[in-house]
Amino acid sequence: METPKAPDTPEFGERAINADVAVRADVAVRSAEAFDPGEEMSGEPAPGRQAGRIARSTAFFSVATAASRFAGLGREVVAAGYYGINGPMSAFTIAFQVPNLIRSLFADAALQPAFVPVFTEQLEEGNYREAFRLASSLLLIVTMVLGAITALFVVAAPAVMPIFAPGFKGELLELTVTLSQILFPILILLGISGVVVGILNSYDRFGAFAIAPLFWNLTIIAVLVLVIPAFHGQDRIYAYAIAILAGTLVQLLIPVFDLRNTPFKFNWSFQWRHPGVRRVLLLMLPVTISLGLINFNLLINSFFGSLVSEQAPAAIDKAFRIYQLPQGIFSVAIATVLFPTLARYANRGAIDDLRATMANGMRQILFVLVPAAAAILALSEPMIQLVYQRGAFNSAETTLVATALFWFAFSLPTNGLYLLQTRTFFSLQRPWMATGIAVLDLVVSTLAALLLYKPFGVGGIVAGTGVGTSAAAVAQALILRREFGGLEFDRLFSTTFRITIASAGLAAVSYGVWDLASHAIGQGLVGQIISLGGGLAAGGLAYLAVAKLLRIPELEQILRLLRRR
């Protein structure tokens, strides 16, 4: 495949830019959908490398990702035990989300997928000095720009943070401001990390940045346990902020250390007008907007949550962590597996095959996410109790977080459809259309939360997010239906009806088995594990049995997909 030219050369057409942007935007959005900065896995192999090495790297990458996610859940459990979901934890949640939003706009998640293709192109053409000059320039530019943004925010934080937490007053607002000032320097570290990891990607070195998120989580846990005894009362939350800083530093140092295994040599080159720098910025634009919109949605929840109670922002955030587990395991996996096929059909102009593949993917996602939603609806409270309720996290907080998780469940299937349909727009090389629908999602979510937060509290805010996602998914489906001349809606509705019947059986069996087991065994930790695990297992078997009885074809398709993976 011919390497694309720089955007200032005559051969570099709009279609080439759109194709590159679409693929890189998909990689970045895929990596940032569910995780904090230290948990996400951005990047993809550089072209032209050995297939065996790529396969081994992919396997290691998958194991490291799974380990990081479990460590991330462990981090949340430890933090919940220390802090519960009190006011200081809500202050921390918002203080962390603001720099995380800026990070998504300018740092690692947006920068890395834009930098890798440009840097790799120079390496493939043998322009090593030019490639190193580009990387060095970006390292200096990123450090200076993000350093300036950080310094400006630290000074302006007392005026900026009240915008994001309008319900916080007095000491709680002051705590939110101070925590944000402590946390904002992670922006610089993550910006540098984005370029460094991009360099490693281009040399097919994946090990360092694959394990870095795991050590980000482990460092946070270790520092939190060691430092928290030095603080008392409301100030104990500062230990969490210090732990985040330490973890982010470790996350940067691991790939920096691995740079010694590449030919890259840093030089003090500050060429901000370099054509490669301009091209990186061009490729960053749609990725930046897409990732920024994702993080804006999280801030909307916290914004309205601060108007409900001191606990609400932290409660929504804790529920969101559990909600994202089935989303990351199932819908992201299916969308990721199908994306290359969708892209190939789009490039060939095989619209019938593209339509059939996407329609089948929609049914597969509903087959796994509708029952997952049913399980959450039936057992949200025992799930939260098992994961979080210990230490400072009490039964009243379990009820509040379970309420948020309950309402999150309704958007689980539609969010899965939204992710797949977004991939379809990327495969069609129309990333800006996907971005426009993401804006629709943001606007509808905001308006719905505005209408619902007063009468329904936390549940209304989360339901507003579901309304926005559903509206965006419907808009995507209508546009794609027009593009493809149909989306097999009759078959989709028929399959969804049968899946819903099977999922109702799952919910009934899961709740019944859990209720019987919890009364028989008790509410101790072992009893909770046995009763909840037994309920979910029995419900899952009931779902598969009913699905088999109703002859839902997606059952066999999913089994074949899992066997291939």
Protein backbone atom coordinates (compact mmCIF):
# COMPACT_ATOMS: atom_id res chain seq x y z
CA MET A 1 0.00 0.00 0.00
CA GLU A 2 1.40 3.37 -0.98
CA THR A 3 2.36 5.64 1.89
CA PRO A 4 0.22 8.79 1.96
CA LYS A 5 1.93 12.07 1.24
CA ALA A 6 2.05 15.01 3.55
CA PRO A 7 -1.01 17.27 3.41
CA ASP A 8 0.93 20.07 1.71
CA THR A 9 1.73 17.94 -1.34
CA PRO A 10 -0.55 17.90 -4.40
CA GLU A 11 -1.16 14.14 -4.23
CA PHE A 12 -2.65 14.28 -0.74
CA GLY A 13 -6.41 14.35 -1.41
CA GLU A 14 -9.35 14.87 0.86
CA ARG A 15 -10.35 11.21 0.67
CA ALA A 16 -6.90 10.11 1.91
CA ILE A 17 -7.14 12.50 4.83
CA ASN A 18 -10.64 11.28 5.68
CA ALA A 19 -9.57 7.64 5.54
CA ASP A 20 -6.59 8.20 7.82
CA VAL A 21 -8.63 10.33 10.19
CA ALA A 22 -11.41 7.75 10.31
CA VAL A 23 -9.14 4.85 11.25
CA ARG A 24 -7.11 6.84 13.79
CA ALA A 25 -10.23 8.35 15.32
CA ASP A 26 -11.73 4.90 15.73
CA VAL A 27 -8.59 3.61 17.46
CA ALA A 28 -8.54 6.55 19.86
CA VAL A 29 -12.25 6.50 20.66
CA ARG A 30 -12.15 2.73 21.09
CA SER A 31 -9.36 3.05 23.66
CA ALA A 32 -10.95 5.86 25.65
CA GLU A 33 -14.55 4.75 25.88
CA ALA A 34 -14.40 3.24 29.26
CA PHE A 35 -11.31 4.05 31.18
CA ASP A 36 -9.31 6.62 33.07
CA PRO A 37 -6.01 7.92 31.62
CA GLY A 38 -4.00 5.14 33.18
CA GLU A 39 -6.31 2.38 32.07
CA GLU A 40 -6.74 3.01 28.37
CA MET A 41 -4.84 1.20 25.68
CA SER A 42 -4.23 3.40 22.65
CA GLY A 43 -2.22 2.52 19.60
CA GLU A 44 -1.90 -0.07 16.90
CA PRO A 45 0.97 -1.77 15.11
CA ALA A 46 2.95 0.10 12.53
CA PRO A 47 2.55 -1.26 9.00
CA GLY A 48 4.93 -3.63 7.31
CA ARG A 49 5.99 -5.64 10.39
CA GLN A 50 6.20 -9.38 10.88
CA ALA A 51 2.81 -11.04 11.42
CA GLY A 52 4.08 -13.41 14.11
CA ARG A 53 5.49 -10.61 16.19
CA ILE A 54 2.26 -8.66 15.86
CA ALA A 55 0.24 -11.71 16.95
CA ARG A 56 2.44 -12.21 20.02
CA SER A 57 2.20 -8.52 20.86
CA THR A 58 -1.59 -8.62 20.50
CA ALA A 59 -1.85 -11.60 22.86
CA PHE A 60 0.37 -9.93 25.45
CA PHE A 61 -1.55 -6.71 24.99
CA SER A 62 -4.87 -8.45 25.68
CA VAL A 63 -3.56 -10.08 28.86
CA ALA A 64 -2.12 -6.79 30.07
CA THR A 65 -5.40 -5.00 29.34
CA ALA A 66 -7.37 -7.56 31.35
CA ALA A 67 -4.91 -7.29 34.25
CA SER A 68 -5.18 -3.49 34.17
CA ARG A 69 -8.97 -3.59 34.26
CA PHE A 70 -8.99 -5.89 37.27
CA ALA A 71 -6.41 -3.68 38.97
CA GLY A 72 -8.55 -0.65 38.12
CA LEU A 73 -11.55 -2.27 39.77
CA GLY A 74 -9.33 -3.06 42.77
CA ARG A 75 -8.32 0.60 42.92
CA GLU A 76 -11.98 1.63 42.99
CA VAL A 77 -12.74 -0.90 45.73
CA VAL A 78 -9.84 0.34 47.89
CA ALA A 79 -10.82 3.99 47.39
CA ALA A 80 -14.47 3.22 48.20
CA GLY A 81 -13.39 1.52 51.42
CA TYR A 82 -11.43 4.58 52.51
CA TYR A 83 -13.77 7.34 51.35
CA GLY A 84 -17.23 5.96 50.57
CA ILE A 85 -19.12 8.47 48.40
CA ASN A 86 -19.02 11.43 50.76
CA GLY A 87 -18.53 15.08 49.84
CA PRO A 88 -14.72 14.92 49.58
CA MET A 89 -14.98 11.95 47.19
CA SER A 90 -17.40 13.90 45.02
CA ALA A 91 -14.98 16.85 45.11
CA PHE A 92 -12.21 14.52 43.96
CA THR A 93 -14.41 13.08 41.18
CA ILE A 94 -15.05 16.50 39.65
CA ALA A 95 -11.50 17.73 40.28
CA PHE A 96 -10.20 14.71 38.36
CA GLN A 97 -12.70 14.93 35.51
CA VAL A 98 -11.74 18.49 34.52
CA PRO A 99 -8.04 17.81 33.77
CA ASN A 100 -9.14 14.49 32.26
CA LEU A 101 -11.31 16.45 29.82
CA ILE A 102 -8.36 18.67 28.83
CA ARG A 103 -6.20 15.58 28.57
CA SER A 104 -8.62 14.05 26.06
CA LEU A 105 -8.50 17.21 23.98
CA PHE A 106 -4.75 17.79 23.86
CA ALA A 107 -2.77 14.96 25.42
CA ASP A 108 -2.16 11.23 24.99
CA ALA A 109 -5.50 9.89 23.78
CA ALA A 110 -5.82 12.41 20.93
CA LEU A 111 -2.14 13.02 20.21
CA GLN A 112 -0.89 9.45 19.93
CA PRO A 113 -3.10 8.13 17.07
CA ALA A 114 -2.41 11.30 15.08
CA PHE A 115 1.35 11.19 15.64
CA VAL A 116 2.00 7.50 14.87
CA PRO A 117 1.10 7.47 11.12
CA VAL A 118 3.14 10.61 10.42
CA PHE A 119 6.19 9.43 12.36
CA THR A 120 5.97 5.91 10.87
CA GLU A 121 5.79 7.32 7.35
CA GLN A 122 9.09 9.10 7.84
CA LEU A 123 10.70 5.92 9.19
CA GLU A 124 9.41 3.83 6.29
CA GLU A 125 10.89 6.32 3.83
CA GLY A 126 14.25 6.24 5.64
CA ASN A 127 14.01 9.88 6.78
CA TYR A 128 15.24 9.09 10.29
CA ARG A 129 16.68 12.50 11.02
CA GLU A 130 13.43 14.16 9.92
CA ALA A 131 11.37 11.69 11.98
CA PHE A 132 13.46 12.37 15.11
CA ARG A 133 13.21 16.10 14.50
CA LEU A 134 9.41 15.82 14.27
CA ALA A 135 9.17 13.77 17.48
CA SER A 136 11.53 16.08 19.33
CA SER A 137 9.62 19.15 18.20
CA LEU A 138 6.35 17.63 19.33
CA LEU A 139 7.80 16.69 22.72
CA LEU A 140 8.91 20.27 23.29
CA ILE A 141 5.70 21.79 21.92
CA VAL A 142 3.51 19.47 23.99
CA THR A 143 5.49 20.17 27.15
CA MET A 144 5.38 23.93 26.65
CA VAL A 145 1.72 24.16 25.60
CA LEU A 146 0.40 21.81 28.26
CA GLY A 147 2.68 23.41 30.83
CA ALA A 148 1.20 26.81 29.99
CA ILE A 149 -2.36 25.41 30.15
CA THR A 150 -1.58 23.83 33.52
CA ALA A 151 -0.10 27.02 34.94
CA LEU A 152 -3.05 29.06 33.67
CA PHE A 153 -5.55 26.64 35.17
CA VAL A 154 -3.81 26.49 38.55
CA VAL A 155 -4.12 30.27 38.77
CA ALA A 156 -7.69 30.37 37.41
CA ALA A 157 -9.03 27.30 39.26
CA PRO A 158 -10.94 29.33 41.90
CA ALA A 159 -12.94 30.92 39.07
CA VAL A 160 -13.18 27.85 36.80
CA MET A 161 -14.12 24.99 39.12
CA PRO A 162 -17.39 26.51 40.42
CA ILE A 163 -18.65 26.26 36.82
CA PHE A 164 -18.38 22.47 36.97
CA ALA A 165 -19.71 22.10 40.53
CA PRO A 166 -22.45 24.71 40.88
CA GLY A 167 -24.00 22.96 43.87
CA PHE A 168 -20.83 22.97 45.98
CA LYS A 169 -20.30 25.75 48.49
CA GLY A 170 -17.87 26.71 51.22
CA GLU A 171 -15.24 24.16 52.30
CA LEU A 172 -16.37 21.54 49.77
CA LEU A 173 -15.90 23.96 46.87
CA GLU A 174 -12.50 25.03 48.23
CA LEU A 175 -11.51 21.36 48.45
CA THR A 176 -12.59 20.80 44.83
CA VAL A 177 -10.47 23.75 43.71
CA THR A 178 -7.38 22.62 45.62
CA LEU A 179 -7.67 19.03 44.42
CA SER A 180 -7.92 20.19 40.81
CA GLN A 181 -4.77 22.28 41.25
CA ILE A 182 -2.92 19.23 42.58
CA LEU A 183 -4.17 16.95 39.83
CA PHE A 184 -3.77 19.21 36.80
CA PRO A 185 0.00 18.54 36.30
CA ILE A 186 -0.92 15.03 35.13
CA LEU A 187 -1.81 16.78 31.88
CA ILE A 188 1.88 17.46 31.16
CA LEU A 189 2.93 13.91 32.03
CA LEU A 190 0.24 12.38 29.81
CA GLY A 191 1.08 14.69 26.92
CA ILE A 192 4.70 13.58 26.98
CA SER A 193 3.56 9.98 27.33
CA GLY A 194 1.44 10.28 24.19
CA VAL A 195 4.49 11.10 22.04
CA VAL A 196 6.79 8.58 23.75
CA VAL A 197 4.31 5.72 23.35
CA GLY A 198 3.78 6.77 19.74
CA ILE A 199 7.51 6.39 19.10
CA LEU A 200 7.49 2.93 20.69
CA ASN A 201 4.43 1.93 18.63
CA SER A 202 6.25 2.87 15.46
CA TYR A 203 9.06 0.46 16.36
CA ASP A 204 6.59 -2.32 17.25
CA ARG A 205 7.43 -2.08 20.94
CA PHE A 206 4.21 -2.66 22.88
CA GLY A 207 5.30 -4.27 26.13
CA ALA A 208 6.14 -1.12 28.09
CA PHE A 209 2.95 0.79 27.41
CA ALA A 210 0.88 -2.40 27.69
CA ILE A 211 1.99 -2.94 31.30
CA ALA A 212 2.17 0.78 32.22
CA PRO A 213 -1.59 1.06 32.99
CA LEU A 214 -1.35 -1.95 35.30
CA PHE A 215 1.43 -0.26 37.26
CA TRP A 216 -0.55 3.00 37.21
CA ASN A 217 -3.30 1.27 39.16
CA LEU A 218 -0.95 -0.68 41.44
CA THR A 219 1.07 2.44 42.25
CA ILE A 220 -2.10 4.35 43.15
CA ILE A 221 -3.21 1.56 45.48
CA ALA A 222 0.21 1.32 47.14
CA VAL A 223 0.68 5.08 47.57
CA LEU A 224 -2.88 5.49 48.83
CA VAL A 225 -2.37 2.82 51.51
CA LEU A 226 0.98 4.30 52.56
CA VAL A 227 0.09 8.00 52.50
CA ILE A 228 -3.46 8.11 53.85
CA PRO A 229 -2.38 7.71 57.53
CA ALA A 230 -0.60 11.08 57.26
CA PHE A 231 -3.92 12.90 56.70
CA HIS A 232 -6.99 13.29 58.88
CA GLY A 233 -10.65 14.15 58.40
CA GLN A 234 -11.61 15.77 55.13
CA ASP A 235 -7.93 16.17 54.21
CA ARG A 236 -7.59 12.38 53.75
CA ILE A 237 -8.76 12.83 50.16
CA TYR A 238 -5.44 14.54 49.35
CA ALA A 239 -3.78 11.13 49.63
CA TYR A 240 -5.80 9.99 46.61
CA ALA A 241 -4.68 13.01 44.56
CA ILE A 242 -1.04 12.38 45.50
CA ALA A 243 -1.46 8.72 44.55
CA ILE A 244 -2.84 9.68 41.12
CA LEU A 245 0.17 11.94 40.50
CA ALA A 246 2.59 9.19 41.54
CA GLY A 247 0.84 6.61 39.38
CA THR A 248 0.87 8.88 36.33
CA LEU A 249 4.58 9.53 36.80
CA VAL A 250 5.27 5.78 36.93
CA GLN A 251 3.09 5.33 33.84
CA LEU A 252 5.33 7.78 31.97
CA LEU A 253 8.67 6.48 33.26
CA ILE A 254 8.04 2.90 32.07
CA PRO A 255 7.78 3.75 28.32
CA VAL A 256 10.49 6.43 28.64
CA PHE A 257 12.84 3.77 29.98
CA ASP A 258 11.97 1.52 27.03
CA LEU A 259 13.04 4.23 24.56
CA ARG A 260 16.62 3.07 25.07
CA ASN A 261 15.71 0.00 22.97
CA THR A 262 14.90 2.15 19.93
CA PRO A 263 17.20 4.20 17.66
CA PHE A 264 15.35 7.39 18.62
CA LYS A 265 17.58 10.26 19.71
CA PHE A 266 16.07 13.37 21.21
CA ASN A 267 17.36 16.73 19.99
CA TRP A 268 16.45 20.25 21.00
CA SER A 269 14.46 20.95 17.86
CA PHE A 270 11.57 23.38 18.20
CA GLN A 271 10.11 23.58 14.68
CA TRP A 272 6.49 24.40 15.30
CA ARG A 273 5.99 25.15 11.60
CA HIS A 274 7.22 21.70 10.56
CA PRO A 275 4.78 20.21 7.96
CA GLY A 276 4.65 17.01 9.99
CA VAL A 277 3.49 18.97 13.04
CA ARG A 278 0.71 20.55 10.96
CA ARG A 279 -0.36 17.13 9.72
CA VAL A 280 -0.47 15.71 13.25
CA LEU A 281 -2.68 18.61 14.31
CA LEU A 282 -4.98 18.00 11.34
CA LEU A 283 -5.36 14.32 12.21
CA MET A 284 -5.96 15.19 15.87
CA LEU A 285 -8.96 17.42 15.22
CA PRO A 286 -11.86 14.92 14.86
CA VAL A 287 -10.31 12.64 17.48
CA THR A 288 -10.05 15.57 19.88
CA ILE A 289 -13.69 16.52 19.37
CA SER A 290 -14.94 12.94 19.75
CA LEU A 291 -12.98 12.25 22.93
CA GLY A 292 -13.83 15.66 24.33
CA LEU A 293 -17.53 14.95 23.88
CA ILE A 294 -17.17 11.62 25.71
CA ASN A 295 -15.64 13.34 28.72
CA PHE A 296 -18.13 16.21 28.56
CA ASN A 297 -20.87 13.64 29.13
CA LEU A 298 -19.17 12.56 32.37
CA LEU A 299 -18.88 16.16 33.48
CA ILE A 300 -22.57 16.77 32.75
CA ASN A 301 -23.45 13.97 35.16
CA SER A 302 -21.21 15.47 37.85
CA PHE A 303 -22.46 19.00 37.12
CA PHE A 304 -26.08 18.11 37.81
CA GLY A 305 -25.06 15.69 40.53
CA SER A 306 -23.53 18.55 42.50
CA LEU A 307 -26.96 20.22 42.44
CA VAL A 308 -28.61 17.09 43.92
CA SER A 309 -26.31 16.34 46.87
CA GLU A 310 -22.70 16.17 47.97
CA GLN A 311 -22.73 12.40 47.40
CA ALA A 312 -24.33 12.34 43.95
CA PRO A 313 -21.26 12.96 41.71
CA ALA A 314 -19.26 10.20 43.41
CA ALA A 315 -22.28 7.86 43.40
CA ILE A 316 -22.78 8.27 39.65
CA ASP A 317 -19.06 7.77 39.01
CA LYS A 318 -18.96 4.56 41.08
CA ALA A 319 -22.01 3.18 39.23
CA PHE A 320 -20.45 4.13 35.89
CA ARG A 321 -17.41 1.96 36.66
CA ILE A 322 -19.59 -1.14 37.03
CA TYR A 323 -21.77 -0.20 34.04
CA GLN A 324 -18.70 -0.03 31.80
CA LEU A 325 -17.60 -3.62 32.51
CA PRO A 326 -20.16 -5.37 30.24
CA GLN A 327 -19.85 -2.53 27.75
CA GLY A 328 -16.10 -2.99 27.47
CA ILE A 329 -16.23 -6.78 27.46
CA PHE A 330 -19.01 -7.26 24.90
CA SER A 331 -20.02 -4.30 22.73
CA VAL A 332 -16.55 -2.81 22.29
CA ALA A 333 -15.20 -6.29 21.48
CA ILE A 334 -17.86 -6.99 18.84
CA ALA A 335 -17.52 -3.53 17.29
CA THR A 336 -13.72 -3.87 17.24
CA VAL A 337 -13.82 -7.31 15.61
CA LEU A 338 -16.28 -6.19 12.94
CA PHE A 339 -14.61 -2.85 12.14
CA PRO A 340 -11.94 -4.19 9.72
CA THR A 341 -14.63 -6.14 7.84
CA LEU A 342 -16.85 -3.07 7.63
CA ALA A 343 -13.91 -1.01 6.36
CA ARG A 344 -13.05 -3.57 3.67
CA TYR A 345 -16.62 -3.72 2.40
CA ALA A 346 -16.83 0.08 2.39
CA ASN A 347 -13.59 0.40 0.41
CA ARG A 348 -14.87 -2.11 -2.15
CA GLY A 349 -18.24 -0.40 -2.41
CA ALA A 350 -19.93 -3.66 -1.34
CA ILE A 351 -22.88 -1.91 0.29
CA ASP A 352 -25.07 -5.04 0.56
CA ASP A 353 -22.34 -6.89 2.43
CA LEU A 354 -21.65 -3.85 4.59
CA ARG A 355 -25.33 -3.51 5.48
CA ALA A 356 -25.71 -7.21 6.29
CA THR A 357 -22.56 -7.24 8.44
CA MET A 358 -23.59 -4.18 10.43
CA ALA A 359 -27.18 -5.43 10.89
CA ASN A 360 -25.85 -8.76 12.12
CA GLY A 361 -23.49 -6.97 14.51
CA MET A 362 -26.41 -4.99 15.91
CA ARG A 363 -28.27 -8.20 16.68
CA GLN A 364 -25.18 -9.73 18.26
CA ILE A 365 -24.74 -6.71 20.53
CA LEU A 366 -28.37 -6.85 21.60
CA PHE A 367 -28.02 -10.58 22.24
CA VAL A 368 -25.34 -9.96 24.88
CA LEU A 369 -26.26 -6.53 26.24
CA VAL A 370 -30.02 -6.91 26.74
CA PRO A 371 -29.49 -9.82 29.17
CA ALA A 372 -26.62 -7.92 30.81
CA ALA A 373 -29.01 -5.01 31.36
CA ALA A 374 -31.64 -7.40 32.72
CA ALA A 375 -29.13 -8.81 35.21
CA ILE A 376 -28.24 -5.32 36.42
CA LEU A 377 -31.90 -4.35 36.73
CA ALA A 378 -32.57 -7.42 38.84
CA LEU A 379 -29.44 -7.40 41.00
CA SER A 380 -28.02 -3.86 41.01
CA GLU A 381 -28.06 -3.57 44.80
CA PRO A 382 -26.31 -6.88 45.62
CA MET A 383 -23.74 -6.10 42.90
CA ILE A 384 -22.86 -2.77 44.49
CA GLN A 385 -22.93 -4.31 47.96
CA LEU A 386 -20.42 -6.99 46.99
CA VAL A 387 -18.06 -4.67 45.11
CA TYR A 388 -18.06 -1.57 47.30
CA GLN A 389 -19.76 -1.97 50.69
CA ARG A 390 -16.94 -2.11 53.24
CA GLY A 391 -15.04 0.39 55.34
CA ALA A 392 -16.46 3.89 54.90
CA PHE A 393 -18.90 2.70 52.23
CA ASN A 394 -22.15 1.95 54.08
CA SER A 395 -25.53 0.46 53.18
CA ALA A 396 -27.16 3.85 52.50
CA GLU A 397 -24.42 4.61 49.95
CA THR A 398 -24.95 1.17 48.40
CA THR A 399 -28.60 2.07 47.81
CA LEU A 400 -27.68 5.39 46.19
CA VAL A 401 -25.05 3.90 43.87
CA ALA A 402 -27.37 0.98 43.04
CA THR A 403 -30.03 3.49 42.00
CA ALA A 404 -27.61 5.08 39.54
CA LEU A 405 -26.53 1.66 38.24
CA PHE A 406 -30.17 0.60 37.82
CA TRP A 407 -30.87 3.55 35.53
CA PHE A 408 -27.58 3.13 33.69
CA ALA A 409 -28.74 -0.37 32.71
CA PHE A 410 -31.46 0.98 30.41
CA SER A 411 -28.86 2.62 28.15
CA LEU A 412 -26.58 -0.42 27.99
CA PRO A 413 -28.04 -1.94 24.78
CA THR A 414 -28.50 1.37 22.96
CA ASN A 415 -24.98 2.46 23.85
CA GLY A 416 -23.68 -0.77 22.33
CA LEU A 417 -25.58 -0.06 19.11
CA TYR A 418 -24.23 3.49 19.15
CA LEU A 419 -20.64 2.23 19.31
CA LEU A 420 -21.09 -0.16 16.38
CA GLN A 421 -22.85 2.42 14.23
CA THR A 422 -20.06 4.89 14.98
CA ARG A 423 -17.58 2.31 13.65
CA THR A 424 -19.69 2.07 10.52
CA PHE A 425 -19.39 5.81 9.92
CA PHE A 426 -15.62 5.49 10.37
CA SER A 427 -15.52 2.61 7.88
CA LEU A 428 -17.38 4.84 5.41
CA GLN A 429 -14.67 7.47 6.03
CA ARG A 430 -17.16 9.93 7.48
CA PRO A 431 -15.77 10.69 10.94
CA TRP A 432 -17.32 14.15 10.98
CA MET A 433 -20.82 12.73 10.65
CA ALA A 434 -20.16 10.55 13.71
CA THR A 435 -18.86 13.63 15.51
CA GLY A 436 -21.99 15.59 14.63
CA ILE A 437 -24.20 12.86 16.10
CA ALA A 438 -22.01 12.85 19.22
CA VAL A 439 -22.88 16.54 19.58
CA LEU A 440 -26.56 15.57 19.36
CA ASP A 441 -25.99 13.02 22.13
CA LEU A 442 -24.37 15.69 24.32
CA VAL A 443 -27.14 18.25 23.76
CA VAL A 444 -30.02 15.81 24.35
CA SER A 445 -28.32 14.34 27.44
CA THR A 446 -27.86 17.83 28.89
CA LEU A 447 -31.45 18.87 28.27
CA ALA A 448 -32.85 15.60 29.62
CA ALA A 449 -30.71 15.79 32.76
CA LEU A 450 -31.80 19.40 33.24
CA LEU A 451 -35.45 18.35 33.18
CA LEU A 452 -35.07 15.22 35.31
CA TYR A 453 -32.52 15.97 38.03
CA LYS A 454 -34.86 17.90 40.33
CA PRO A 455 -37.79 15.46 40.47
CA PHE A 456 -35.76 12.24 40.26
CA GLY A 457 -32.29 13.06 41.61
CA VAL A 458 -29.44 10.71 40.69
CA GLY A 459 -31.78 8.42 38.74
CA GLY A 460 -32.98 11.34 36.62
CA ILE A 461 -29.44 12.44 35.75
CA VAL A 462 -28.43 8.95 34.65
CA ALA A 463 -31.71 8.48 32.77
CA GLY A 464 -30.93 11.72 30.91
CA THR A 465 -27.69 10.17 29.69
CA GLY A 466 -29.66 7.19 28.43
CA VAL A 467 -32.12 9.43 26.60
CA GLY A 468 -29.24 11.20 24.84
CA THR A 469 -27.55 7.95 23.83
CA SER A 470 -30.81 6.47 22.57
CA ALA A 471 -31.56 9.57 20.50
CA ALA A 472 -28.08 9.44 18.98
CA ALA A 473 -28.39 5.71 18.21
CA VAL A 474 -31.78 6.24 16.51
CA ALA A 475 -30.37 9.15 14.48
CA GLN A 476 -27.43 7.00 13.37
CA ALA A 477 -29.72 4.13 12.39
CA LEU A 478 -31.99 6.37 10.32
CA ILE A 479 -29.04 7.93 8.48
CA LEU A 480 -27.44 4.54 7.80
CA ARG A 481 -30.77 3.09 6.71
CA ARG A 482 -31.05 5.85 4.11
CA GLU A 483 -27.43 5.29 3.03
CA PHE A 484 -27.82 1.51 2.69
CA GLY A 485 -31.41 1.33 1.51
CA GLY A 486 -32.44 -0.56 4.65
CA LEU A 487 -31.02 -2.11 7.83
CA GLU A 488 -33.03 -5.33 8.16
CA PHE A 489 -35.25 -3.69 10.79
CA ASP A 490 -37.94 -6.40 10.59
CA ARG A 491 -35.43 -9.08 11.55
CA LEU A 492 -33.91 -6.78 14.19
CA PHE A 493 -37.25 -6.18 15.90
CA SER A 494 -38.17 -9.89 15.77
CA THR A 495 -34.83 -10.90 17.28
CA THR A 496 -35.03 -8.16 19.92
CA PHE A 497 -38.48 -9.37 20.98
CA ARG A 498 -37.22 -12.93 21.50
CA ILE A 499 -34.07 -11.70 23.26
CA THR A 500 -36.24 -9.63 25.61
CA ILE A 501 -38.34 -12.68 26.52
CA ALA A 502 -35.18 -14.69 27.25
CA SER A 503 -33.73 -11.79 29.25
CA ALA A 504 -36.88 -11.57 31.36
CA GLY A 505 -36.34 -15.22 32.22
CA LEU A 506 -32.74 -14.43 33.15
CA ALA A 507 -33.83 -11.61 35.47
CA ALA A 508 -36.48 -13.75 37.19
CA VAL A 509 -34.19 -16.75 37.71
CA SER A 510 -31.20 -14.61 38.78
CA TYR A 511 -33.21 -12.72 41.38
CA GLY A 512 -34.95 -15.85 42.64
CA VAL A 513 -31.74 -17.86 43.10
CA TRP A 514 -29.95 -14.89 44.70
CA ASP A 515 -32.83 -14.26 47.10
CA LEU A 516 -33.03 -17.88 48.21
CA ALA A 517 -29.26 -18.25 48.53
CA SER A 518 -28.73 -14.97 50.40
CA HIS A 519 -31.37 -15.92 52.99
CA ALA A 520 -29.92 -19.42 53.37
CA ILE A 521 -26.21 -18.51 53.46
CA GLY A 522 -26.25 -15.02 54.95
CA GLN A 523 -24.79 -11.63 54.01
CA GLY A 524 -21.12 -12.27 54.78
CA LEU A 525 -18.55 -11.78 52.03
CA VAL A 526 -18.47 -15.48 51.11
CA GLY A 527 -22.26 -15.61 51.23
CA GLN A 528 -22.54 -12.59 48.94
CA ILE A 529 -20.13 -14.12 46.43
CA ILE A 530 -21.96 -17.46 46.40
CA SER A 531 -25.48 -16.01 46.24
CA LEU A 532 -24.71 -13.36 43.59
CA GLY A 533 -22.48 -15.65 41.53
CA GLY A 534 -25.02 -18.46 41.76
CA GLY A 535 -27.87 -16.16 40.77
CA LEU A 536 -26.00 -14.82 37.74
CA ALA A 537 -24.88 -18.29 36.67
CA ALA A 538 -28.40 -19.73 36.96
CA GLY A 539 -29.84 -16.74 35.12
CA GLY A 540 -27.27 -17.10 32.36
CA LEU A 541 -28.12 -20.77 31.87
CA ALA A 542 -31.82 -19.92 31.81
CA TYR A 543 -31.17 -17.25 29.18
CA LEU A 544 -29.21 -19.65 26.95
CA ALA A 545 -31.89 -22.31 27.32
CA VAL A 546 -34.71 -19.94 26.36
CA ALA A 547 -32.62 -18.52 23.51
CA LYS A 548 -32.09 -22.04 22.22
CA LEU A 549 -35.79 -22.80 22.59
CA LEU A 550 -36.75 -19.61 20.72
CA ARG A 551 -34.16 -20.39 18.02
CA ILE A 552 -32.29 -17.12 18.25
CA PRO A 553 -29.56 -17.54 15.59
CA GLU A 554 -27.22 -15.04 17.23
CA LEU A 555 -26.52 -17.62 19.97
CA GLU A 556 -24.55 -19.81 17.60
CA GLN A 557 -22.94 -16.79 15.93
CA ILE A 558 -21.67 -15.47 19.27
CA LEU A 559 -20.28 -18.89 20.17
CA ARG A 560 -18.41 -19.04 16.85
CA LEU A 561 -17.11 -15.49 17.38
CA LEU A 562 -15.79 -16.37 20.84
CA ARG A 563 -14.11 -19.50 19.51
CA ARG A 564 -12.30 -17.43 16.87
CA ARG A 565 -11.14 -14.89 19.46
